[in-house]
Amino acid sequence: MPAIAKTPAPAPAPVFPDPFLASPQDSRPHPPCAISARADDFAAGAVSAPQRHDRGLLLYALQGVVTVLTETGNWVVAPGQALWLPPGMLHQKRGWDSVAIRALYMDPQLGGLPTDCQPIQVSPLLQALIGEAIKLQRAEAPSARAGHIHALILDEMRQVCPASLHVPLPAEPRLRRICQALLRDPASREGLDAWAAYGGLSRRSLTRMFRAQTGASFNEWRQRVLLMEALALLSRGAAIADVALRLGYASPGAFATMFRRTLGVSPRDYFRWGDAAAAV
């Protein structure tokens, strides 16, 4: 029996209620402006109550990795990424580690915004604008500057690019159990056969079902999770060499090559604008 089959079962996922039976928390009253902002920090393992809002919601992961469960799918959002949720979308958030989230609530009357859930790669400009929106929200008093910042945010949102690192979660319970364990231990060295046994599946069934539910092979999905863990570590200030060693890469250079090949930039360039956003 593979070693992994002897390990304790991972903690159960947060239970996401039937959207037709749930009593979600309604959104809080928003200021009269078209865009409002909020900063939220979650402790490791924290799970939010189910929520829906009458505004569109952009959830930006400043630090840490957040899992978002929705009526139409489940998403993993890494640092430097965001998830767009259209108005009225029932959702629930969980942080596997401590998480810093910055949220923008956008009036549904604003045009040109996505109509479905969409993972987004946050540009350096949008990162900076989110940070400014948080500062202005804390100042409370409306200002001409706030109007300018909000106009720029809207312009950026109308030109967003889908996230290049997309980590969808399968809905099938056995597959999700496997994914939860990998999210808790991304650098696991266990192979496909061990994970199939862990989920009570054959190798062939795991391979077939995983691609059908996520659009990626099991190994491709694991590589994405590994990179997502790298982003989480780097966002907390870990050195590139330490991250490469922890995740099993032969050298920092090999890690940097993989990072650039997947995300199009070096690890340093990816977080170049992070300090400005972290100030809020």
Foldseek 3Di string as FASTA:
>chain_A
DDPVLPDDFDDDDPDDDDPVPDDADEDDDDPPDQKAKDKDKDAAFDKFTWYFYQFKKKKAWLAAWKWKDWPVFIWIAFHQKIKIAGHGITMMMTTNHITIIMMMTGHPVDPQADPHIAMFRQDLVLLLLSLVSHVVVVVVDDDPVNVVSVVVNSVDRNVTDGALQTQTAFPPVLSNSLVVVCLNPLLDPDDQCVSCVNSVHHSVCQQVVVCVGTVDGPVVNSVSSLVSVLRNCVSVPDDLQVSCVSNPHPGSVRVQVVVCVRRVDGPCVSCVSSVSSVVD
